[in-house]
Amino acid sequence: MAGAKAAVLATVATAIPTLASVRMLPWARTNLNPTAQALIISTAAGMAYFIVADKTVLASARKNSLYASNRPNMTA
């Protein structure tokens, strides 16, 4: 669920400047066709999803590892 939220946020955060630059910059208007724009936006969304998913899996693995359950409590 966290990965999906991050993907949505990354999509919005990437789509706005990408679409704005295509409208305002002559270079972007000439060289970034709709397929390239979609590729830029979807790549950012996919990266955000997998980064958050990876962090979630690692946090869960640390919490459930044998080392964490057998570690002595060091609080005094």
PDB file of N, CA and C in Angstrom:
ATOM      1  N   MET A   1       0.827  -1.195   0.000  1.00  0.00           N
ATOM      2  CA  MET A   1       0.000   0.000   0.000  1.00  0.00           C
ATOM      3  C   MET A   1       0.871   1.258   0.000  1.00  0.00           C
ATOM      4  N   ALA A   2       1.947   1.223   0.776  1.00  0.00           N
ATOM      5  CA  ALA A   2       2.838   2.387   0.822  1.00  0.00           C
ATOM      6  C   ALA A   2       3.494   2.622  -0.535  1.00  0.00           C
ATOM      7  N   GLY A   3       3.811   1.547  -1.236  1.00  0.00           N
ATOM      8  CA  GLY A   3       4.412   1.678  -2.559  1.00  0.00           C
ATOM      9  C   GLY A   3       3.469   2.329  -3.556  1.00  0.00           C
ATOM     10  N   ALA A   4       2.192   1.984  -3.463  1.00  0.00           N
ATOM     11  CA  ALA A   4       1.211   2.579  -4.362  1.00  0.00           C
ATOM     12  C   ALA A   4       1.046   4.068  -4.081  1.00  0.00           C
ATOM     13  N   LYS A   5       1.051   4.432  -2.814  1.00  0.00           N
ATOM     14  CA  LYS A   5       0.953   5.851  -2.454  1.00  0.00           C
ATOM     15  C   LYS A   5       2.161   6.619  -2.982  1.00  0.00           C
ATOM     16  N   ALA A   6       3.330   6.039  -2.850  1.00  0.00           N
ATOM     17  CA  ALA A   6       4.540   6.696  -3.347  1.00  0.00           C
ATOM     18  C   ALA A   6       4.514   6.810  -4.868  1.00  0.00           C
ATOM     19  N   ALA A   7       3.979   5.793  -5.538  1.00  0.00           N
ATOM     20  CA  ALA A   7       3.890   5.836  -6.996  1.00  0.00           C
ATOM     21  C   ALA A   7       2.949   6.937  -7.464  1.00  0.00           C
ATOM     22  N   VAL A   8       1.839   7.095  -6.771  1.00  0.00           N
ATOM     23  CA  VAL A   8       0.896   8.158  -7.133  1.00  0.00           C
ATOM     24  C   VAL A   8       1.538   9.520  -6.924  1.00  0.00           C
ATOM     25  N   LEU A   9       2.208   9.690  -5.800  1.00  0.00           N
ATOM     26  CA  LEU A   9       2.878  10.962  -5.516  1.00  0.00           C
ATOM     27  C   LEU A   9       3.964  11.246  -6.556  1.00  0.00           C
ATOM     28  N   ALA A  10       4.740  10.226  -6.907  1.00  0.00           N
ATOM     29  CA  ALA A  10       5.799  10.416  -7.909  1.00  0.00           C
ATOM     30  C   ALA A  10       5.214  10.720  -9.283  1.00  0.00           C
ATOM     31  N   THR A  11       4.075  10.121  -9.593  1.00  0.00           N
ATOM     32  CA  THR A  11       3.433  10.394 -10.882  1.00  0.00           C
ATOM     33  C   THR A  11       3.030  11.858 -10.981  1.00  0.00           C
ATOM     34  N   VAL A  12       2.405  12.369  -9.940  1.00  0.00           N
ATOM     35  CA  VAL A  12       1.982  13.768  -9.944  1.00  0.00           C
ATOM     36  C   VAL A  12       3.198  14.688  -9.952  1.00  0.00           C
ATOM     37  N   ALA A  13       4.196  14.350  -9.120  1.00  0.00           N
ATOM     38  CA  ALA A  13       5.384  15.200  -9.027  1.00  0.00           C
ATOM     39  C   ALA A  13       6.191  15.210 -10.325  1.00  0.00           C
ATOM     40  N   THR A  14       6.104  14.163 -11.106  1.00  0.00           N
ATOM     41  CA  THR A  14       6.830  14.100 -12.372  1.00  0.00           C
ATOM     42  C   THR A  14       5.993  14.622 -13.539  1.00  0.00           C
ATOM     43  N   ALA A  15       4.713  14.377 -13.500  1.00  0.00           N
ATOM     44  CA  ALA A  15       3.855  14.761 -14.617  1.00  0.00           C
ATOM     45  C   ALA A  15       3.759  16.272 -14.768  1.00  0.00           C
ATOM     46  N   ILE A  16       3.646  16.977 -13.665  1.00  0.00           N
ATOM     47  CA  ILE A  16       3.473  18.426 -13.742  1.00  0.00           C
ATOM     48  C   ILE A  16       4.659  19.105 -14.433  1.00  0.00           C
ATOM     49  N   PRO A  17       5.913  18.898 -13.974  1.00  0.00           N
ATOM     50  CA  PRO A  17       7.012  19.563 -14.682  1.00  0.00           C
ATOM     51  C   PRO A  17       7.247  19.034 -16.106  1.00  0.00           C
ATOM     52  N   THR A  18       6.969  17.754 -16.334  1.00  0.00           N
ATOM     53  CA  THR A  18       7.158  17.208 -17.683  1.00  0.00           C
ATOM     54  C   THR A  18       6.186  17.851 -18.661  1.00  0.00           C
ATOM     55  N   LEU A  19       4.934  17.893 -18.294  1.00  0.00           N
ATOM     56  CA  LEU A  19       3.935  18.470 -19.186  1.00  0.00           C
ATOM     57  C   LEU A  19       4.112  19.979 -19.329  1.00  0.00           C
ATOM     58  N   ALA A  20       4.525  20.642 -18.260  1.00  0.00           N
ATOM     59  CA  ALA A  20       4.761  22.087 -18.337  1.00  0.00           C
ATOM     60  C   ALA A  20       5.954  22.400 -19.236  1.00  0.00           C
ATOM     61  N   SER A  21       7.013  21.598 -19.125  1.00  0.00           N
ATOM     62  CA  SER A  21       8.189  21.870 -19.956  1.00  0.00           C
ATOM     63  C   SER A  21       7.899  21.629 -21.428  1.00  0.00           C
ATOM     64  N   VAL A  22       7.053  20.657 -21.735  1.00  0.00           N
ATOM     65  CA  VAL A  22       6.696  20.405 -23.133  1.00  0.00           C
ATOM     66  C   VAL A  22       5.929  21.590 -23.705  1.00  0.00           C
ATOM     67  N   ARG A  23       5.161  22.256 -22.890  1.00  0.00           N
ATOM     68  CA  ARG A  23       4.408  23.418 -23.372  1.00  0.00           C
ATOM     69  C   ARG A  23       5.275  24.665 -23.481  1.00  0.00           C
ATOM     70  N   MET A  24       6.278  24.814 -22.583  1.00  0.00           N
ATOM     71  CA  MET A  24       7.026  26.070 -22.513  1.00  0.00           C
ATOM     72  C   MET A  24       8.374  26.059 -23.219  1.00  0.00           C
ATOM     73  N   LEU A  25       9.056  24.925 -23.228  1.00  0.00           N
ATOM     74  CA  LEU A  25      10.403  24.874 -23.800  1.00  0.00           C
ATOM     75  C   LEU A  25      10.370  24.360 -25.237  1.00  0.00           C
ATOM     76  N   PRO A  26      10.937  25.113 -26.161  1.00  0.00           N
ATOM     77  CA  PRO A  26      10.926  24.674 -27.571  1.00  0.00           C
ATOM     78  C   PRO A  26      11.641  23.340 -27.779  1.00  0.00           C
ATOM     79  N   TRP A  27      12.750  23.116 -27.056  1.00  0.00           N
ATOM     80  CA  TRP A  27      13.476  21.849 -27.211  1.00  0.00           C
ATOM     81  C   TRP A  27      12.599  20.675 -26.804  1.00  0.00           C
ATOM     82  N   ALA A  28      11.935  20.804 -25.660  1.00  0.00           N
ATOM     83  CA  ALA A  28      11.088  19.714 -25.179  1.00  0.00           C
ATOM     84  C   ALA A  28       9.903  19.497 -26.110  1.00  0.00           C
ATOM     85  N   ARG A  29       9.333  20.578 -26.632  1.00  0.00           N
ATOM     86  CA  ARG A  29       8.196  20.456 -27.543  1.00  0.00           C
ATOM     87  C   ARG A  29       8.605  19.687 -28.799  1.00  0.00           C
ATOM     88  N   THR A  30       9.828  19.942 -29.265  1.00  0.00           N
ATOM     89  CA  THR A  30      10.302  19.287 -30.485  1.00  0.00           C
ATOM     90  C   THR A  30      10.677  17.829 -30.246  1.00  0.00           C
ATOM     91  N   ASN A  31      11.330  17.545 -29.124  1.00  0.00           N
ATOM     92  CA  ASN A  31      11.944  16.228 -28.925  1.00  0.00           C
ATOM     93  C   ASN A  31      11.180  15.255 -28.042  1.00  0.00           C
ATOM     94  N   LEU A  32      10.229  15.720 -27.257  1.00  0.00           N
ATOM     95  CA  LEU A  32       9.507  14.810 -26.361  1.00  0.00           C
ATOM     96  C   LEU A  32       8.093  14.582 -26.887  1.00  0.00           C
ATOM     97  N   ASN A  33       7.931  13.511 -27.629  1.00  0.00           N
ATOM     98  CA  ASN A  33       6.595  13.172 -28.116  1.00  0.00           C
ATOM     99  C   ASN A  33       5.785  12.560 -26.962  1.00  0.00           C
ATOM    100  N   PRO A  34       4.500  12.297 -27.149  1.00  0.00           N
ATOM    101  CA  PRO A  34       3.687  11.756 -26.048  1.00  0.00           C
ATOM    102  C   PRO A  34       4.213  10.444 -25.473  1.00  0.00           C
ATOM    103  N   THR A  35       4.824   9.625 -26.298  1.00  0.00           N
ATOM    104  CA  THR A  35       5.387   8.374 -25.787  1.00  0.00           C
ATOM    105  C   THR A  35       6.544   8.647 -24.834  1.00  0.00           C
ATOM    106  N   ALA A  36       7.413   9.570 -25.176  1.00  0.00           N
ATOM    107  CA  ALA A  36       8.533   9.916 -24.305  1.00  0.00           C
ATOM    108  C   ALA A  36       8.036  10.525 -23.004  1.00  0.00           C
ATOM    109  N   GLN A  37       7.023  11.343 -23.068  1.00  0.00           N
ATOM    110  CA  GLN A  37       6.465  11.936 -21.853  1.00  0.00           C
ATOM    111  C   GLN A  37       5.905  10.851 -20.941  1.00  0.00           C
ATOM    112  N   ALA A  38       5.162   9.919 -21.514  1.00  0.00           N
ATOM    113  CA  ALA A  38       4.596   8.823 -20.721  1.00  0.00           C
ATOM    114  C   ALA A  38       5.698   7.955 -20.128  1.00  0.00           C
ATOM    115  N   LEU A  39       6.763   7.738 -20.887  1.00  0.00           N
ATOM    116  CA  LEU A  39       7.870   6.934 -20.391  1.00  0.00           C
ATOM    117  C   LEU A  39       8.567   7.602 -19.210  1.00  0.00           C
ATOM    118  N   ILE A  40       8.772   8.902 -19.278  1.00  0.00           N
ATOM    119  CA  ILE A  40       9.393   9.632 -18.174  1.00  0.00           C
ATOM    120  C   ILE A  40       8.538   9.526 -16.915  1.00  0.00           C
ATOM    121  N   ILE A  41       7.251   9.758 -17.072  1.00  0.00           N
ATOM    122  CA  ILE A  41       6.344   9.748 -15.921  1.00  0.00           C
ATOM    123  C   ILE A  41       6.215   8.347 -15.332  1.00  0.00           C
ATOM    124  N   SER A  42       6.045   7.338 -16.172  1.00  0.00           N
ATOM    125  CA  SER A  42       5.859   5.981 -15.656  1.00  0.00           C
ATOM    126  C   SER A  42       7.139   5.418 -15.052  1.00  0.00           C
ATOM    127  N   THR A  43       8.297   5.821 -15.565  1.00  0.00           N
ATOM    128  CA  THR A  43       9.559   5.367 -14.973  1.00  0.00           C
ATOM    129  C   THR A  43       9.712   5.901 -13.562  1.00  0.00           C
ATOM    130  N   ALA A  44       9.381   7.166 -13.359  1.00  0.00           N
ATOM    131  CA  ALA A  44       9.469   7.741 -12.019  1.00  0.00           C
ATOM    132  C   ALA A  44       8.499   7.049 -11.066  1.00  0.00           C
ATOM    133  N   ALA A  45       7.297   6.774 -11.535  1.00  0.00           N
ATOM    134  CA  ALA A  45       6.303   6.096 -10.693  1.00  0.00           C
ATOM    135  C   ALA A  45       6.760   4.683 -10.340  1.00  0.00           C
ATOM    136  N   GLY A  46       7.281   3.966 -11.324  1.00  0.00           N
ATOM    137  CA  GLY A  46       7.762   2.602 -11.062  1.00  0.00           C
ATOM    138  C   GLY A  46       8.930   2.572 -10.113  1.00  0.00           C
ATOM    139  N   MET A  47       9.852   3.505 -10.281  1.00  0.00           N
ATOM    140  CA  MET A  47      10.997   3.562  -9.363  1.00  0.00           C
ATOM    141  C   MET A  47      10.535   3.846  -7.942  1.00  0.00           C
ATOM    142  N   ALA A  48       9.622   4.779  -7.768  1.00  0.00           N
ATOM    143  CA  ALA A  48       9.124   5.102  -6.432  1.00  0.00           C
ATOM    144  C   ALA A  48       8.440   3.895  -5.801  1.00  0.00           C
ATOM    145  N   TYR A  49       7.645   3.186  -6.587  1.00  0.00           N
ATOM    146  CA  TYR A  49       6.954   2.005  -6.065  1.00  0.00           C
ATOM    147  C   TYR A  49       7.940   0.952  -5.570  1.00  0.00           C
ATOM    148  N   PHE A  50       8.936   0.640  -6.391  1.00  0.00           N
ATOM    149  CA  PHE A  50       9.860  -0.426  -6.017  1.00  0.00           C
ATOM    150  C   PHE A  50      10.807  -0.008  -4.893  1.00  0.00           C
ATOM    151  N   ILE A  51      11.174   1.251  -4.819  1.00  0.00           N
ATOM    152  CA  ILE A  51      12.022   1.708  -3.719  1.00  0.00           C
ATOM    153  C   ILE A  51      11.279   1.590  -2.399  1.00  0.00           C
ATOM    154  N   VAL A  52      10.040   2.050  -2.363  1.00  0.00           N
ATOM    155  CA  VAL A  52       9.255   1.966  -1.127  1.00  0.00           C
ATOM    156  C   VAL A  52       8.954   0.507  -0.780  1.00  0.00           C
ATOM    157  N   ALA A  53       8.633  -0.292  -1.773  1.00  0.00           N
ATOM    158  CA  ALA A  53       8.370  -1.713  -1.511  1.00  0.00           C
ATOM    159  C   ALA A  53       9.617  -2.399  -0.962  1.00  0.00           C
ATOM    160  N   ASP A  54      10.770  -2.083  -1.507  1.00  0.00           N
ATOM    161  CA  ASP A  54      12.016  -2.672  -1.020  1.00  0.00           C
ATOM    162  C   ASP A  54      12.285  -2.267   0.423  1.00  0.00           C
ATOM    163  N   LYS A  55      12.103  -0.995   0.739  1.00  0.00           N
ATOM    164  CA  LYS A  55      12.306  -0.543   2.112  1.00  0.00           C
ATOM    165  C   LYS A  55      11.324  -1.208   3.063  1.00  0.00           C
ATOM    166  N   THR A  56      10.090  -1.415   2.633  1.00  0.00           N
ATOM    167  CA  THR A  56       9.083  -2.062   3.466  1.00  0.00           C
ATOM    168  C   THR A  56       9.454  -3.515   3.729  1.00  0.00           C
ATOM    169  N   VAL A  57       9.893  -4.212   2.697  1.00  0.00           N
ATOM    170  CA  VAL A  57      10.288  -5.614   2.860  1.00  0.00           C
ATOM    171  C   VAL A  57      11.499  -5.723   3.789  1.00  0.00           C
ATOM    172  N   LEU A  58      12.479  -4.839   3.610  1.00  0.00           N
ATOM    173  CA  LEU A  58      13.656  -4.880   4.482  1.00  0.00           C
ATOM    174  C   LEU A  58      13.299  -4.581   5.929  1.00  0.00           C
ATOM    175  N   ALA A  59      12.423  -3.621   6.159  1.00  0.00           N
ATOM    176  CA  ALA A  59      12.004  -3.304   7.530  1.00  0.00           C
ATOM    177  C   ALA A  59      11.278  -4.487   8.154  1.00  0.00           C
ATOM    178  N   SER A  60      10.440  -5.143   7.383  1.00  0.00           N
ATOM    179  CA  SER A  60       9.726  -6.315   7.886  1.00  0.00           C
ATOM    180  C   SER A  60      10.697  -7.460   8.174  1.00  0.00           C
ATOM    181  N   ALA A  61      11.677  -7.643   7.312  1.00  0.00           N
ATOM    182  CA  ALA A  61      12.659  -8.707   7.519  1.00  0.00           C
ATOM    183  C   ALA A  61      13.505  -8.439   8.763  1.00  0.00           C
ATOM    184  N   ARG A  62      13.870  -7.182   8.974  1.00  0.00           N
ATOM    185  CA  ARG A  62      14.635  -6.857  10.185  1.00  0.00           C
ATOM    186  C   ARG A  62      13.817  -7.106  11.439  1.00  0.00           C
ATOM    187  N   LYS A  63      12.546  -6.752  11.373  1.00  0.00           N
ATOM    188  CA  LYS A  63      11.677  -6.919  12.537  1.00  0.00           C
ATOM    189  C   LYS A  63      11.470  -8.391  12.854  1.00  0.00           C
ATOM    190  N   ASN A  64      11.396  -9.221  11.827  1.00  0.00           N
ATOM    191  CA  ASN A  64      11.086 -10.635  12.020  1.00  0.00           C
ATOM    192  C   ASN A  64      12.307 -11.547  11.975  1.00  0.00           C
ATOM    193  N   SER A  65      13.506 -10.989  11.950  1.00  0.00           N
ATOM    194  CA  SER A  65      14.690 -11.837  11.846  1.00  0.00           C
ATOM    195  C   SER A  65      14.965 -12.563  13.156  1.00  0.00           C
ATOM    196  N   LEU A  66      15.696 -13.657  13.053  1.00  0.00           N
ATOM    197  CA  LEU A  66      16.048 -14.423  14.245  1.00  0.00           C
ATOM    198  C   LEU A  66      17.002 -13.631  15.138  1.00  0.00           C
ATOM    199  N   TYR A  67      17.882 -12.856  14.519  1.00  0.00           N
ATOM    200  CA  TYR A  67      18.818 -12.068  15.299  1.00  0.00           C
ATOM    201  C   TYR A  67      18.082 -11.052  16.161  1.00  0.00           C
ATOM    202  N   ALA A  68      17.066 -10.415  15.615  1.00  0.00           N
ATOM    203  CA  ALA A  68      16.316  -9.400  16.364  1.00  0.00           C
ATOM    204  C   ALA A  68      15.564 -10.035  17.531  1.00  0.00           C
ATOM    205  N   SER A  69      15.051 -11.263  17.342  1.00  0.00           N
ATOM    206  CA  SER A  69      14.285 -11.891  18.416  1.00  0.00           C
ATOM    207  C   SER A  69      15.196 -12.474  19.500  1.00  0.00           C
ATOM    208  N   ASN A  70      16.455 -12.816  19.154  1.00  0.00           N
ATOM    209  CA  ASN A  70      17.362 -13.404  20.138  1.00  0.00           C
ATOM    210  C   ASN A  70      18.354 -12.413  20.713  1.00  0.00           C
ATOM    211  N   ARG A  71      18.291 -11.173  20.268  1.00  0.00           N
ATOM    212  CA  ARG A  71      19.243 -10.165  20.720  1.00  0.00           C
ATOM    213  C   ARG A  71      18.935  -9.793  22.175  1.00  0.00           C
ATOM    214  N   PRO A  72      19.968  -9.718  22.998  1.00  0.00           N
ATOM    215  CA  PRO A  72      19.713  -9.330  24.393  1.00  0.00           C
ATOM    216  C   PRO A  72      19.305  -7.860  24.484  1.00  0.00           C
ATOM    217  N   ASN A  73      18.507  -7.569  25.467  1.00  0.00           N
ATOM    218  CA  ASN A  73      18.040  -6.201  25.663  1.00  0.00           C
ATOM    219  C   ASN A  73      19.146  -5.417  26.334  1.00  0.00           C
ATOM    220  N   MET A  74      19.621  -4.335  25.709  1.00  0.00           N
ATOM    221  CA  MET A  74      20.747  -3.546  26.206  1.00  0.00           C
ATOM    222  C   MET A  74      20.316  -2.318  26.985  1.00  0.00           C
ATOM    223  N   THR A  75      19.028  -2.164  27.210  1.00  0.00           N
ATOM    224  CA  THR A  75      18.580  -0.983  27.965  1.00  0.00           C
ATOM    225  C   THR A  75      18.853  -1.184  29.437  1.00  0.00           C
ATOM    226  N   ALA A  76      19.276  -0.122  30.083  1.00  0.00           N
ATOM    227  CA  ALA A  76      19.603  -0.237  31.519  1.00  0.00           C
ATOM    228  C   ALA A  76      18.498   0.310  32.381  1.00  0.00           C
TER     229      ALA A  76
END
